[in-house]
Amino acid sequence: MTVCAIEPAAGHEEGAGRAGCAITADGSYAARLALAGDSFFPERWTLDGPEPYAVPLPGNQPEEPGTEVQPLSDGRVLIHRLVGGRHAFSLLYPTGPGTGELPLGTVECPDEGTRLRLLPPAPGGERAYALAVGRRSTAVWLVAGGTFGPEQLAEVPGHCSGGVWLDREGRMLALDREAGGRTKAVVVDLERGGETSPLLQIADGSDDRVLLADPDSGLLLVRSDAPSPGRSRLGWGVLGSTLPVRFPECLRLADCAVTPFAIQPGQMLTPEGCAVALRVDGAFGSWIGVWRPAERQVHHFPAPSGWLTGAGLWTADGVLRLPYATGAVPCGVAGLRAPGQERRREGLDVRPPVDRPEAPGSGAGPVRAGSGPGTATDGRAPSSDVFTDEDLPSQLPYCSGDMIGCPLPPHAEPPAHHDPGAPSASRPVPLQQAPLGRLVTK
């Protein structure tokens, strides 16, 4: 399974903020900060069983809003706190009625302006990494899974943002490095002392960032202003390929921020067929977009009520799993089958979890998609209010309480938007040869 749950660096991304939860690369566990009254506490979700369920992991005192959590593949949850100017890391795990905590150590940043945050869950799920961004350099830290506590693995000159894993071994890390007033993606080899080499350089004067990558197919999702200077656009390329990066017109939605958050895995050497999940944020809410590089359209679907916005993962057979929490269902996962791969007609398949004890106050309030027959091109969330019973899938979604009360339309995509006054590329923009192209052919 391929998932992305990362906070874009402020000031560098036009996309949305951090996802509602972090999910392991294999999709077995998720973790988030849940809210009980006015207090935050860590919560672990188990996703690989017959039904999802949540386990609260409260400590001796409430957590600060900026605290980060990340699940490991063994079920423990890494927590990152800022304590007395130091970054403290511990592993949390359930111990009967209480919460066990294993301190891992601290990282002290001598530069007061240094920002430290967790990188996305690493492949394998046994280790966790953090990025410490300073004024002149950026350090990559191993904060869980090492032998002697937090360990600095690499130091990259320049101010870096982003963070995308490019292989299944957790060795190759793509970062977006700012230098000379421009941002270019580089790849850092963590097994060779942080050796850095260029990854994405579309044009000399462009800002080129890597947003997502799938090691199976080699598909890269990028954001660059190369085709239209001053306006960043979403594009796609193939890792290690000399073919051009393409910037589909259908990914340009007026008055909306479009952020990819998951790529369908298991499509060996067929990047054009990978389904990509998009978070679309408009003036009236957030919703889901599904797109494939081989297609010239985006399929739009309302998000499930209470969606942990920006979080989700694909299965290899084309089901997008979206975690959600409402007052009625504090831990749920909705399934959206990708158009074109449906075993039945596409739409949300929302199943209630088994009856388990709920942590007091752990359910988030309901989040509803925009109502009315709005379209994605005018910043409104797509609505299924106008569809009749004959449009319903053969297996109706489960509906209860504050959960989404109607199925999704089989096709709700608007026509692609085109701004005649916007500059466009006169020719395809080449993606330079990546230094790890051999990895995507295995």
Protein backbone atom coordinates (compact mmCIF):
# COMPACT_ATOMS: atom_id res chain seq x y z
CA MET A 1 0.00 0.00 0.00
CA THR A 2 1.18 3.51 -0.72
CA VAL A 3 0.31 6.39 1.51
CA CYS A 4 1.36 9.87 2.20
CA ALA A 5 0.71 11.69 5.43
CA ILE A 6 3.06 14.62 5.64
CA GLU A 7 2.83 18.25 6.51
CA PRO A 8 4.01 20.46 3.65
CA ALA A 9 6.52 23.05 4.71
CA ALA A 10 4.90 26.39 5.29
CA GLY A 11 5.55 28.85 2.57
CA HIS A 12 6.67 26.19 0.12
CA GLU A 13 3.54 24.35 -0.87
CA GLU A 14 0.28 25.56 -2.28
CA GLY A 15 -1.34 22.36 -1.02
CA ALA A 16 -3.11 21.61 2.22
CA GLY A 17 -1.67 21.22 5.69
CA ARG A 18 -0.88 18.08 7.60
CA ALA A 19 -3.06 15.01 7.27
CA GLY A 20 -5.51 13.98 9.96
CA CYS A 21 -3.46 10.91 10.87
CA ALA A 22 -0.30 9.03 9.94
CA ILE A 23 -0.53 5.51 8.48
CA THR A 24 2.18 2.86 8.27
CA ALA A 25 3.47 2.09 4.79
CA ASP A 26 1.85 -1.37 4.88
CA GLY A 27 -1.49 0.05 6.04
CA SER A 28 -1.66 -1.98 9.24
CA TYR A 29 -1.78 0.86 11.79
CA ALA A 30 -2.61 4.54 12.00
CA ALA A 31 -2.07 7.10 14.74
CA ARG A 32 -3.43 10.54 15.47
CA LEU A 33 -3.94 13.08 18.23
CA ALA A 34 -7.55 12.73 19.32
CA LEU A 35 -9.50 15.32 21.27
CA ALA A 36 -11.27 14.71 24.58
CA GLY A 37 -12.92 17.93 25.63
CA ASP A 38 -10.13 20.50 25.42
CA SER A 39 -7.32 17.95 25.77
CA PHE A 40 -5.36 15.99 23.19
CA PHE A 41 -4.23 12.40 23.60
CA PRO A 42 -2.56 9.87 21.26
CA GLU A 43 -4.76 7.24 19.66
CA ARG A 44 -3.74 4.16 17.68
CA TRP A 45 -5.96 2.63 15.02
CA THR A 46 -5.65 -0.99 13.93
CA LEU A 47 -6.56 -1.25 10.25
CA ASP A 48 -5.52 -4.73 9.13
CA GLY A 49 -8.18 -6.72 10.98
CA PRO A 50 -11.76 -7.58 10.01
CA GLU A 51 -12.91 -4.20 11.35
CA PRO A 52 -10.93 -1.10 12.35
CA TYR A 53 -10.72 -0.23 16.02
CA ALA A 54 -9.02 2.46 18.10
CA VAL A 55 -6.94 2.18 21.28
CA PRO A 56 -6.44 5.39 23.30
CA LEU A 57 -2.90 5.94 24.61
CA PRO A 58 -3.24 8.82 27.08
CA GLY A 59 -0.27 9.86 29.18
CA ASN A 60 -0.09 11.43 32.59
CA GLN A 61 -1.00 14.82 31.17
CA PRO A 62 -2.65 16.14 28.01
CA GLU A 63 -0.49 16.57 24.92
CA GLU A 64 0.31 19.91 23.34
CA PRO A 65 -1.44 20.62 19.99
CA GLY A 66 1.90 20.51 18.09
CA THR A 67 2.81 17.04 19.34
CA GLU A 68 3.46 14.52 16.54
CA VAL A 69 2.61 10.81 16.55
CA GLN A 70 3.50 8.07 14.10
CA PRO A 71 2.70 4.34 14.19
CA LEU A 72 5.27 1.58 13.76
CA SER A 73 4.57 -1.78 12.16
CA ASP A 74 4.73 -3.59 15.53
CA GLY A 75 1.83 -1.54 16.89
CA ARG A 76 3.80 0.88 19.04
CA VAL A 77 3.35 4.60 18.48
CA LEU A 78 6.21 7.06 18.29
CA ILE A 79 5.50 10.38 19.97
CA HIS A 80 7.49 13.57 19.43
CA ARG A 81 7.20 16.28 22.09
CA LEU A 82 8.97 19.58 22.61
CA VAL A 83 10.12 19.62 26.24
CA GLY A 84 12.25 22.41 27.65
CA GLY A 85 13.62 23.38 24.26
CA ARG A 86 14.54 19.79 23.41
CA HIS A 87 12.79 17.36 21.10
CA ALA A 88 11.90 14.24 23.11
CA PHE A 89 10.96 10.92 21.51
CA SER A 90 9.22 7.96 23.13
CA LEU A 91 7.36 4.82 22.11
CA LEU A 92 3.83 4.35 23.46
CA TYR A 93 2.04 1.02 23.79
CA PRO A 94 -1.08 -0.24 25.57
CA THR A 95 -0.60 -1.98 28.92
CA GLY A 96 -4.02 -3.16 30.01
CA PRO A 97 -5.88 -0.13 31.30
CA GLY A 98 -2.87 2.17 31.06
CA THR A 99 -0.23 3.32 28.60
CA GLY A 100 3.37 2.17 28.62
CA GLU A 101 6.08 4.59 27.52
CA LEU A 102 9.64 3.78 26.45
CA PRO A 103 11.83 6.91 26.25
CA LEU A 104 14.18 6.88 23.27
CA GLY A 105 16.14 10.05 23.89
CA THR A 106 16.18 13.70 22.89
CA VAL A 107 17.51 15.89 20.10
CA GLU A 108 18.75 19.36 20.91
CA CYS A 109 18.93 21.91 18.11
CA PRO A 110 21.54 24.58 18.95
CA ASP A 111 20.06 27.00 16.43
CA GLU A 112 16.85 28.47 17.84
CA GLY A 113 15.45 28.84 14.34
CA THR A 114 15.74 25.11 13.57
CA ARG A 115 12.42 23.33 13.00
CA LEU A 116 12.26 19.57 13.58
CA ARG A 117 9.40 17.39 12.34
CA LEU A 118 8.81 13.73 11.62
CA LEU A 119 9.24 12.43 8.09
CA PRO A 120 6.49 10.24 6.57
CA PRO A 121 6.33 6.63 7.84
CA ALA A 122 9.29 4.75 6.42
CA PRO A 123 9.00 1.56 4.35
CA GLY A 124 9.14 -1.52 6.57
CA GLY A 125 7.68 0.35 9.53
CA GLU A 126 10.49 -0.57 11.93
CA ARG A 127 12.22 2.80 11.89
CA ALA A 128 11.19 6.43 12.07
CA TYR A 129 13.02 9.51 10.87
CA ALA A 130 12.91 13.25 11.47
CA LEU A 131 14.03 16.29 9.54
CA ALA A 132 15.74 19.18 11.36
CA VAL A 133 15.67 22.25 9.11
CA GLY A 134 18.17 24.96 10.02
CA ARG A 135 19.16 28.23 8.43
CA ARG A 136 22.15 26.85 6.49
CA SER A 137 21.68 23.08 6.49
CA THR A 138 19.15 20.31 7.06
CA ALA A 139 19.81 17.19 9.14
CA VAL A 140 18.15 13.79 8.78
CA TRP A 141 17.77 11.95 12.09
CA LEU A 142 16.96 8.33 12.87
CA VAL A 143 14.75 8.75 15.94
CA ALA A 144 13.31 5.22 16.38
CA GLY A 145 14.71 1.83 15.46
CA GLY A 146 18.36 2.63 16.08
CA THR A 147 20.73 1.07 18.57
CA PHE A 148 21.61 3.97 20.85
CA GLY A 149 18.74 6.42 20.62
CA PRO A 150 18.39 9.27 18.12
CA GLU A 151 21.20 9.33 15.59
CA GLN A 152 22.04 11.90 12.94
CA LEU A 153 22.42 10.14 9.59
CA ALA A 154 22.98 12.98 7.15
CA GLU A 155 23.42 16.72 6.85
CA VAL A 156 22.33 18.35 3.61
CA PRO A 157 23.53 21.88 2.80
CA GLY A 158 20.64 24.29 2.33
CA HIS A 159 17.08 24.68 3.57
CA CYS A 160 15.05 21.52 2.79
CA SER A 161 11.35 20.75 2.89
CA GLY A 162 9.14 17.85 1.80
CA GLY A 163 10.29 14.28 2.28
CA VAL A 164 9.32 11.33 0.04
CA TRP A 165 10.62 7.75 0.19
CA LEU A 166 11.70 6.45 -3.21
CA ASP A 167 12.39 2.78 -2.50
CA ARG A 168 11.11 -0.12 -0.40
CA GLU A 169 14.24 -0.28 1.75
CA GLY A 170 14.01 3.19 3.29
CA ARG A 171 17.36 4.16 1.86
CA MET A 172 16.59 6.78 -0.77
CA LEU A 173 14.89 9.96 0.49
CA ALA A 174 13.78 12.80 -1.78
CA LEU A 175 13.96 16.31 -0.32
CA ASP A 176 13.15 19.71 -1.82
CA ARG A 177 16.24 21.87 -1.32
CA GLU A 178 16.18 25.64 -1.59
CA ALA A 179 19.37 27.22 -2.89
CA GLY A 180 20.03 30.40 -4.79
CA GLY A 181 16.40 31.44 -4.59
CA ARG A 182 15.17 28.26 -6.31
CA THR A 183 13.90 24.93 -5.01
CA LYS A 184 15.03 21.67 -6.61
CA ALA A 185 14.37 18.09 -5.54
CA VAL A 186 17.42 16.08 -4.52
CA VAL A 187 17.82 12.48 -3.40
CA VAL A 188 19.69 11.61 -0.21
CA ASP A 189 21.28 8.17 0.16
CA LEU A 190 21.02 7.35 3.87
CA GLU A 191 23.30 4.32 3.58
CA ARG A 192 26.15 6.31 2.09
CA GLY A 193 26.48 9.00 4.71
CA GLY A 194 23.83 11.23 3.23
CA GLU A 195 25.34 11.43 -0.25
CA THR A 196 23.19 13.88 -2.21
CA SER A 197 22.52 14.03 -5.94
CA PRO A 198 20.04 15.92 -8.16
CA LEU A 199 16.67 14.29 -8.73
CA LEU A 200 14.39 16.81 -10.43
CA GLN A 201 15.65 19.80 -12.41
CA ILE A 202 13.08 20.71 -15.04
CA ALA A 203 14.35 24.17 -15.94
CA ASP A 204 17.10 26.42 -14.61
CA GLY A 205 14.70 29.01 -13.25
CA SER A 206 11.89 26.76 -12.03
CA ASP A 207 10.91 25.51 -8.58
CA ASP A 208 10.61 21.71 -8.82
CA ARG A 209 9.32 19.61 -5.93
CA VAL A 210 8.50 15.93 -5.48
CA LEU A 211 5.18 15.31 -3.70
CA LEU A 212 4.66 11.54 -3.93
CA ALA A 213 6.43 8.48 -5.30
CA ASP A 214 5.49 4.85 -5.83
CA PRO A 215 8.44 2.41 -5.83
CA ASP A 216 6.52 -0.31 -7.71
CA SER A 217 5.69 1.65 -10.83
CA GLY A 218 8.18 4.48 -10.52
CA LEU A 219 5.41 7.07 -10.73
CA LEU A 220 6.37 10.52 -9.42
CA LEU A 221 3.93 13.32 -8.61
CA VAL A 222 5.62 16.70 -8.81
CA ARG A 223 4.78 20.36 -8.44
CA SER A 224 6.59 22.88 -10.61
CA ASP A 225 6.18 26.32 -12.14
CA ALA A 226 8.24 25.38 -15.21
CA PRO A 227 5.26 25.23 -17.63
CA SER A 228 3.76 28.50 -16.33
CA PRO A 229 6.26 30.73 -14.49
CA GLY A 230 4.85 32.06 -11.26
CA ARG A 231 2.08 29.44 -11.12
CA SER A 232 2.88 26.03 -9.71
CA ARG A 233 1.18 23.10 -11.40
CA LEU A 234 0.85 19.41 -10.68
CA GLY A 235 2.65 17.07 -13.02
CA TRP A 236 3.81 13.50 -13.27
CA GLY A 237 6.88 11.66 -14.47
CA VAL A 238 8.57 8.30 -14.11
CA LEU A 239 11.56 7.73 -11.87
CA GLY A 240 14.67 7.12 -13.94
CA SER A 241 12.94 7.90 -17.24
CA THR A 242 14.08 10.31 -19.94
CA LEU A 243 10.47 10.90 -21.00
CA PRO A 244 9.07 14.37 -20.32
CA VAL A 245 7.22 15.46 -17.23
CA ARG A 246 3.60 16.09 -18.13
CA PHE A 247 1.28 18.66 -16.59
CA PRO A 248 -2.31 17.55 -17.29
CA GLU A 249 -4.82 20.34 -17.80
CA CYS A 250 -7.45 18.40 -15.84
CA LEU A 251 -5.43 18.87 -12.63
CA ARG A 252 -5.91 22.64 -12.80
CA LEU A 253 -9.06 23.43 -10.85
CA ALA A 254 -10.11 27.05 -10.45
CA ASP A 255 -10.16 28.37 -6.88
CA CYS A 256 -9.14 24.98 -5.49
CA ALA A 257 -5.99 23.58 -3.91
CA VAL A 258 -5.23 20.09 -5.22
CA THR A 259 -2.90 17.88 -3.17
CA PRO A 260 -2.11 14.23 -4.02
CA PHE A 261 -1.93 12.01 -0.95
CA ALA A 262 -1.83 8.37 -2.11
CA ILE A 263 -0.79 6.31 -5.16
CA GLN A 264 -2.10 2.86 -5.96
CA PRO A 265 0.72 0.33 -5.41
CA GLY A 266 1.45 -2.96 -7.13
CA GLN A 267 1.29 -1.65 -10.71
CA MET A 268 4.71 -2.92 -11.74
CA LEU A 269 6.20 -0.87 -14.58
CA THR A 270 2.78 0.59 -15.52
CA PRO A 271 2.77 4.08 -13.97
CA GLU A 272 0.07 5.32 -16.36
CA GLY A 273 -2.42 2.92 -14.81
CA CYS A 274 -1.86 3.90 -11.17
CA ALA A 275 -4.83 5.52 -9.48
CA VAL A 276 -3.90 8.68 -7.59
CA ALA A 277 -5.97 10.06 -4.69
CA LEU A 278 -6.27 13.84 -4.55
CA ARG A 279 -7.37 16.07 -1.71
CA VAL A 280 -9.30 18.98 -3.21
CA ASP A 281 -9.87 22.03 -1.00
CA GLY A 282 -12.33 24.66 -2.18
CA ALA A 283 -14.21 27.54 -0.65
CA PHE A 284 -16.96 25.23 0.59
CA GLY A 285 -15.02 22.25 1.92
CA SER A 286 -12.74 19.37 1.02
CA TRP A 287 -13.46 16.34 -1.13
CA ILE A 288 -11.79 13.45 -2.93
CA GLY A 289 -10.47 13.38 -6.46
CA VAL A 290 -9.35 10.22 -8.26
CA TRP A 291 -7.14 10.45 -11.33
CA ARG A 292 -4.92 8.27 -13.48
CA PRO A 293 -2.07 9.54 -15.68
CA ALA A 294 -3.59 7.66 -18.62
CA GLU A 295 -6.87 9.60 -18.28
CA ARG A 296 -7.73 13.19 -19.06
CA GLN A 297 -10.26 13.68 -16.31
CA VAL A 298 -10.55 13.73 -12.54
CA HIS A 299 -13.39 11.84 -10.87
CA HIS A 300 -14.79 13.78 -7.90
CA PHE A 301 -16.43 12.23 -4.83
CA PRO A 302 -17.70 13.69 -1.55
CA ALA A 303 -15.52 12.72 1.38
CA PRO A 304 -17.04 10.53 4.08
CA SER A 305 -18.41 12.49 7.00
CA GLY A 306 -15.67 12.95 9.60
CA TRP A 307 -12.85 12.13 7.17
CA LEU A 308 -9.42 12.59 8.74
CA THR A 309 -8.66 15.04 5.98
CA GLY A 310 -5.73 14.22 3.75
CA ALA A 311 -5.27 10.68 5.09
CA GLY A 312 -5.84 7.48 3.14
CA LEU A 313 -4.19 4.62 1.31
CA TRP A 314 -4.76 2.46 -1.73
CA THR A 315 -4.88 -1.30 -1.88
CA ALA A 316 -3.22 -2.99 -4.84
CA ASP A 317 -6.60 -3.91 -6.35
CA GLY A 318 -7.75 -0.29 -6.49
CA VAL A 319 -9.70 0.44 -3.28
CA LEU A 320 -9.00 3.76 -1.59
CA ARG A 321 -9.37 3.38 2.18
CA LEU A 322 -10.31 6.62 3.95
CA PRO A 323 -10.25 6.80 7.76
CA TYR A 324 -13.00 8.82 9.41
CA ALA A 325 -14.29 9.58 12.91
CA THR A 326 -17.67 10.92 13.94
CA GLY A 327 -19.64 11.10 17.15
CA ALA A 328 -21.49 7.93 16.17
CA VAL A 329 -18.47 6.06 14.76
CA PRO A 330 -15.22 7.09 16.48
CA CYS A 331 -13.13 4.76 14.30
CA GLY A 332 -14.20 3.88 10.77
CA VAL A 333 -12.76 3.27 7.31
CA ALA A 334 -14.64 3.98 4.09
CA GLY A 335 -13.69 2.20 0.87
CA LEU A 336 -13.81 3.94 -2.51
CA ARG A 337 -13.14 1.74 -5.54
CA ALA A 338 -11.24 3.46 -8.30
CA PRO A 339 -13.32 4.11 -11.44
CA GLY A 340 -12.38 1.62 -14.12
CA GLN A 341 -11.35 -1.09 -11.65
CA GLU A 342 -14.60 -1.62 -9.84
CA ARG A 343 -15.82 -5.09 -8.98
CA ARG A 344 -19.05 -3.24 -8.47
CA ARG A 345 -19.96 0.31 -9.27
CA GLU A 346 -17.63 2.80 -7.65
CA GLY A 347 -18.64 4.64 -4.52
CA LEU A 348 -18.06 4.66 -0.81
CA ASP A 349 -18.47 1.38 1.02
CA VAL A 350 -18.78 2.43 4.65
CA ARG A 351 -18.84 -0.36 7.21
CA PRO A 352 -19.45 0.16 10.92
CA PRO A 353 -16.73 -1.08 13.24
CA VAL A 354 -17.36 -3.73 15.84
CA ASP A 355 -18.79 -2.51 19.12
CA ARG A 356 -15.79 -1.50 21.20
CA PRO A 357 -15.40 0.86 24.16
CA GLU A 358 -14.98 4.45 23.09
CA ALA A 359 -12.48 6.74 24.76
CA PRO A 360 -14.33 9.64 26.37
CA GLY A 361 -14.51 12.53 23.96
CA SER A 362 -12.36 10.79 21.37
CA GLY A 363 -14.81 11.18 18.51
CA ALA A 364 -14.34 14.18 16.29
CA GLY A 365 -17.33 16.21 15.30
CA PRO A 366 -19.01 15.45 11.99
CA VAL A 367 -17.51 17.00 8.89
CA ARG A 368 -19.95 17.22 6.02
CA ALA A 369 -19.23 17.64 2.37
CA GLY A 370 -20.70 20.74 0.77
CA SER A 371 -24.39 20.52 0.08
CA GLY A 372 -26.20 21.46 -3.09
CA PRO A 373 -25.33 20.64 -6.67
CA GLY A 374 -21.98 22.43 -6.67
CA THR A 375 -19.11 21.37 -8.93
CA ALA A 376 -15.41 21.16 -8.28
CA THR A 377 -14.59 23.89 -10.78
CA ASP A 378 -16.30 26.62 -8.75
CA GLY A 379 -14.73 25.66 -5.42
CA ARG A 380 -17.76 23.72 -4.19
CA ALA A 381 -17.65 20.17 -2.94
CA PRO A 382 -19.46 17.67 -5.18
CA SER A 383 -22.87 16.63 -3.93
CA SER A 384 -24.89 13.48 -4.46
CA ASP A 385 -28.22 15.11 -3.47
CA VAL A 386 -29.45 15.17 -7.07
CA PHE A 387 -29.09 11.42 -7.68
CA THR A 388 -32.01 9.02 -7.53
CA ASP A 389 -32.26 5.43 -6.35
CA GLU A 390 -31.43 4.08 -9.78
CA ASP A 391 -27.97 5.63 -9.46
CA LEU A 392 -27.19 3.80 -6.24
CA PRO A 393 -24.58 1.04 -6.17
CA SER A 394 -25.86 -2.48 -5.78
CA GLN A 395 -24.52 -2.62 -2.21
CA LEU A 396 -25.63 0.45 -0.29
CA PRO A 397 -23.21 2.14 2.10
CA TYR A 398 -23.92 1.80 5.78
CA CYS A 399 -25.56 5.01 7.02
CA SER A 400 -26.06 5.95 10.65
CA GLY A 401 -26.15 9.09 12.76
CA ASP A 402 -23.75 11.73 11.50
CA MET A 403 -22.21 9.51 8.83
CA ILE A 404 -22.61 10.45 5.22
CA GLY A 405 -26.28 9.96 4.40
CA CYS A 406 -26.21 9.21 0.68
CA PRO A 407 -24.08 7.23 -1.75
CA LEU A 408 -21.69 8.85 -4.14
CA PRO A 409 -22.54 9.44 -7.80
CA PRO A 410 -20.92 7.00 -10.22
CA HIS A 411 -19.45 9.92 -12.16
CA ALA A 412 -19.26 13.43 -10.77
CA GLU A 413 -16.30 14.86 -12.61
CA PRO A 414 -16.63 18.38 -14.04
CA PRO A 415 -15.20 19.39 -17.40
CA ALA A 416 -11.52 20.21 -17.28
CA HIS A 417 -10.91 23.88 -16.56
CA HIS A 418 -8.77 25.92 -18.91
CA ASP A 419 -7.72 29.49 -18.41
CA PRO A 420 -7.09 31.02 -21.85
CA GLY A 421 -4.94 33.74 -20.33
CA ALA A 422 -2.67 31.37 -18.45
CA PRO A 423 0.77 30.74 -19.98
CA SER A 424 1.44 27.20 -21.10
CA ALA A 425 4.51 25.25 -22.09
CA SER A 426 5.33 25.28 -25.76
CA ARG A 427 6.90 21.86 -25.54
CA PRO A 428 7.16 19.02 -22.99
CA VAL A 429 9.52 19.67 -20.11
CA PRO A 430 12.15 16.90 -19.71
CA LEU A 431 12.69 15.05 -16.46
CA GLN A 432 16.39 14.46 -16.00
CA GLN A 433 17.70 10.96 -15.45
CA ALA A 434 17.29 10.08 -11.79
CA PRO A 435 20.27 8.44 -10.05
CA LEU A 436 18.24 5.45 -8.82
CA GLY A 437 16.35 4.46 -11.93
CA ARG A 438 17.57 0.87 -11.58
CA LEU A 439 15.48 0.43 -8.43
CA VAL A 440 12.14 0.65 -10.21
CA THR A 441 12.85 -2.26 -12.54
CA LYS A 442 13.23 -4.87 -9.85
